[in-house]
Amino acid sequence: MMKRFFLLFALLLTATPPSWNAIAQESANRGMQLADLLRKFNERQQAVQSLTATFTERKNLSLLAKPVLANGTFLYSKPDRIKWEYSEPEPRIFLITEDRFVAY
């Protein structure tokens, strides 16, 4: 369950993956049912071995005069390794596995 959550979260972070566009186009062309579309999505999801993405995080906090921006890199490696590394404004690293969460 935890693995699926992290993989889904990683896919959401990458906005719209090219493979999702291909699946959506194929479903439109063939008139696929939702169940078929979800099955195909799950098949593609299972094929993912690793994922790397850069990100910008924007926090709007009422206590601060302006938003806080943070940049970094997100790395996922199958089956259960995640490295979430912030480079700005302060370096931070989060390492996540099936049974561990470590923050530096």
C-alpha atoms as a PDB file:
ATOM      1  CA  MET A   1       0.000   0.000   0.000  1.00  0.00           C
ATOM      2  CA  MET A   2       2.796   2.390   0.940  1.00  0.00           C
ATOM      3  CA  LYS A   3       4.626   1.685  -2.337  1.00  0.00           C
ATOM      4  CA  ARG A   4       1.562   2.509  -4.426  1.00  0.00           C
ATOM      5  CA  PHE A   5       1.034   5.763  -2.514  1.00  0.00           C
ATOM      6  CA  PHE A   6       4.604   6.924  -3.119  1.00  0.00           C
ATOM      7  CA  LEU A   7       4.519   5.929  -6.778  1.00  0.00           C
ATOM      8  CA  LEU A   8       1.216   7.696  -7.339  1.00  0.00           C
ATOM      9  CA  PHE A   9       2.527  10.754  -5.482  1.00  0.00           C
ATOM     10  CA  ALA A  10       5.664  10.715  -7.615  1.00  0.00           C
ATOM     11  CA  LEU A  11       3.620  10.531 -10.799  1.00  0.00           C
ATOM     12  CA  LEU A  12       1.496  13.462  -9.662  1.00  0.00           C
ATOM     13  CA  LEU A  13       4.619  15.523  -9.003  1.00  0.00           C
ATOM     14  CA  THR A  14       5.691  15.145 -12.599  1.00  0.00           C
ATOM     15  CA  ALA A  15       2.509  16.894 -13.797  1.00  0.00           C
ATOM     16  CA  THR A  16       1.300  14.994 -16.853  1.00  0.00           C
ATOM     17  CA  PRO A  17       3.648  12.147 -17.795  1.00  0.00           C
ATOM     18  CA  PRO A  18       3.973  11.534 -21.534  1.00  0.00           C
ATOM     19  CA  SER A  19       2.735   7.977 -21.065  1.00  0.00           C
ATOM     20  CA  TRP A  20      -0.518   9.287 -19.551  1.00  0.00           C
ATOM     21  CA  ASN A  21      -1.066  11.477 -22.633  1.00  0.00           C
ATOM     22  CA  ALA A  22      -0.587   8.426 -24.833  1.00  0.00           C
ATOM     23  CA  ILE A  23      -3.086   6.411 -22.787  1.00  0.00           C
ATOM     24  CA  ALA A  24      -5.653   9.233 -22.833  1.00  0.00           C
ATOM     25  CA  GLN A  25      -5.305   9.669 -26.604  1.00  0.00           C
ATOM     26  CA  GLU A  26      -5.598   5.942 -27.175  1.00  0.00           C
ATOM     27  CA  SER A  27      -8.713   5.753 -25.016  1.00  0.00           C
ATOM     28  CA  ALA A  28     -10.314   8.631 -26.908  1.00  0.00           C
ATOM     29  CA  ASN A  29      -9.535   6.969 -30.247  1.00  0.00           C
ATOM     30  CA  ARG A  30     -10.875   3.575 -29.231  1.00  0.00           C
ATOM     31  CA  GLY A  31     -13.723   4.685 -26.999  1.00  0.00           C
ATOM     32  CA  MET A  32     -12.286   2.689 -24.090  1.00  0.00           C
ATOM     33  CA  GLN A  33     -14.271   2.214 -20.928  1.00  0.00           C
ATOM     34  CA  LEU A  34     -12.997   3.626 -17.643  1.00  0.00           C
ATOM     35  CA  ALA A  35     -12.051   0.158 -16.383  1.00  0.00           C
ATOM     36  CA  ASP A  36      -9.873  -0.402 -19.465  1.00  0.00           C
ATOM     37  CA  LEU A  37      -8.238   2.997 -19.029  1.00  0.00           C
ATOM     38  CA  LEU A  38      -7.439   2.309 -15.368  1.00  0.00           C
ATOM     39  CA  ARG A  39      -6.111  -1.158 -16.190  1.00  0.00           C
ATOM     40  CA  LYS A  40      -3.760   0.327 -18.790  1.00  0.00           C
ATOM     41  CA  PHE A  41      -2.654   3.026 -16.345  1.00  0.00           C
ATOM     42  CA  ASN A  42      -1.848   0.356 -13.742  1.00  0.00           C
ATOM     43  CA  GLU A  43       0.138  -1.635 -16.319  1.00  0.00           C
ATOM     44  CA  ARG A  44       2.249   1.419 -17.167  1.00  0.00           C
ATOM     45  CA  GLN A  45       2.638   2.236 -13.475  1.00  0.00           C
ATOM     46  CA  GLN A  46       3.997  -1.264 -12.777  1.00  0.00           C
ATOM     47  CA  ALA A  47       6.566  -0.818 -15.565  1.00  0.00           C
ATOM     48  CA  VAL A  48       8.121   2.262 -13.934  1.00  0.00           C
ATOM     49  CA  GLN A  49      11.526   1.373 -12.468  1.00  0.00           C
ATOM     50  CA  SER A  50      12.737   4.841 -11.515  1.00  0.00           C
ATOM     51  CA  LEU A  51      11.671   8.450 -11.695  1.00  0.00           C
ATOM     52  CA  THR A  52      13.550  11.732 -11.340  1.00  0.00           C
ATOM     53  CA  ALA A  53      11.955  15.158 -11.247  1.00  0.00           C
ATOM     54  CA  THR A  54      12.960  18.670 -10.283  1.00  0.00           C
ATOM     55  CA  PHE A  55      10.384  20.658  -8.349  1.00  0.00           C
ATOM     56  CA  THR A  56       9.539  24.092  -7.037  1.00  0.00           C
ATOM     57  CA  GLU A  57       7.473  24.248  -3.873  1.00  0.00           C
ATOM     58  CA  ARG A  58       5.553  27.403  -3.019  1.00  0.00           C
ATOM     59  CA  LYS A  59       4.145  27.917   0.473  1.00  0.00           C
ATOM     60  CA  ASN A  60       1.680  30.719   1.103  1.00  0.00           C
ATOM     61  CA  LEU A  61       1.642  31.277   4.852  1.00  0.00           C
ATOM     62  CA  SER A  62      -0.502  33.966   6.464  1.00  0.00           C
ATOM     63  CA  LEU A  63       2.278  34.694   8.972  1.00  0.00           C
ATOM     64  CA  LEU A  64       4.745  35.700   6.234  1.00  0.00           C
ATOM     65  CA  ALA A  65       4.653  38.774   4.005  1.00  0.00           C
ATOM     66  CA  LYS A  66       5.586  36.817   0.868  1.00  0.00           C
ATOM     67  CA  PRO A  67       5.467  33.175  -0.232  1.00  0.00           C
ATOM     68  CA  VAL A  68       8.321  30.822   0.627  1.00  0.00           C
ATOM     69  CA  LEU A  69       9.857  29.142  -2.436  1.00  0.00           C
ATOM     70  CA  ALA A  70      11.913  25.967  -2.277  1.00  0.00           C
ATOM     71  CA  ASN A  71      13.604  24.039  -5.101  1.00  0.00           C
ATOM     72  CA  GLY A  72      14.924  20.544  -5.273  1.00  0.00           C
ATOM     73  CA  THR A  73      14.979  17.106  -6.813  1.00  0.00           C
ATOM     74  CA  PHE A  74      12.747  14.095  -6.247  1.00  0.00           C
ATOM     75  CA  LEU A  75      14.095  10.605  -6.989  1.00  0.00           C
ATOM     76  CA  TYR A  76      12.195   7.313  -6.871  1.00  0.00           C
ATOM     77  CA  SER A  77      13.662   3.856  -7.385  1.00  0.00           C
ATOM     78  CA  LYS A  78      11.594   0.699  -7.419  1.00  0.00           C
ATOM     79  CA  PRO A  79      10.564  -0.989  -5.228  1.00  0.00           C
ATOM     80  CA  ASP A  80      10.583   1.404  -2.281  1.00  0.00           C
ATOM     81  CA  ARG A  81      13.333   4.046  -2.276  1.00  0.00           C
ATOM     82  CA  ILE A  82      12.653   7.775  -2.326  1.00  0.00           C
ATOM     83  CA  LYS A  83      15.071  10.650  -1.966  1.00  0.00           C
ATOM     84  CA  TRP A  84      13.515  14.090  -1.654  1.00  0.00           C
ATOM     85  CA  GLU A  85      16.288  16.674  -1.765  1.00  0.00           C
ATOM     86  CA  TYR A  86      15.794  20.414  -1.272  1.00  0.00           C
ATOM     87  CA  SER A  87      18.609  22.600  -2.579  1.00  0.00           C
ATOM     88  CA  GLU A  88      17.132  26.030  -1.769  1.00  0.00           C
ATOM     89  CA  PRO A  89      16.505  27.975   0.418  1.00  0.00           C
ATOM     90  CA  GLU A  90      18.134  25.528   2.872  1.00  0.00           C
ATOM     91  CA  PRO A  91      19.568  22.139   1.924  1.00  0.00           C
ATOM     92  CA  ARG A  92      17.425  19.286   3.310  1.00  0.00           C
ATOM     93  CA  ILE A  93      17.239  15.626   2.418  1.00  0.00           C
ATOM     94  CA  PHE A  94      14.492  13.117   3.152  1.00  0.00           C
ATOM     95  CA  LEU A  95      15.141   9.424   2.575  1.00  0.00           C
ATOM     96  CA  ILE A  96      12.111   7.143   2.574  1.00  0.00           C
ATOM     97  CA  THR A  97      11.912   3.360   2.318  1.00  0.00           C
ATOM     98  CA  GLU A  98       9.224   0.824   3.148  1.00  0.00           C
ATOM     99  CA  ASP A  99      10.163   0.809   6.821  1.00  0.00           C
ATOM    100  CA  ARG A 100      12.192   3.985   7.366  1.00  0.00           C
ATOM    101  CA  PHE A 101      11.982   7.762   7.144  1.00  0.00           C
ATOM    102  CA  VAL A 102      15.199   9.742   7.681  1.00  0.00           C
ATOM    103  CA  ALA A 103      15.598  13.526   7.501  1.00  0.00           C
ATOM    104  CA  TYR A 104      18.913  15.368   7.301  1.00  0.00           C
END
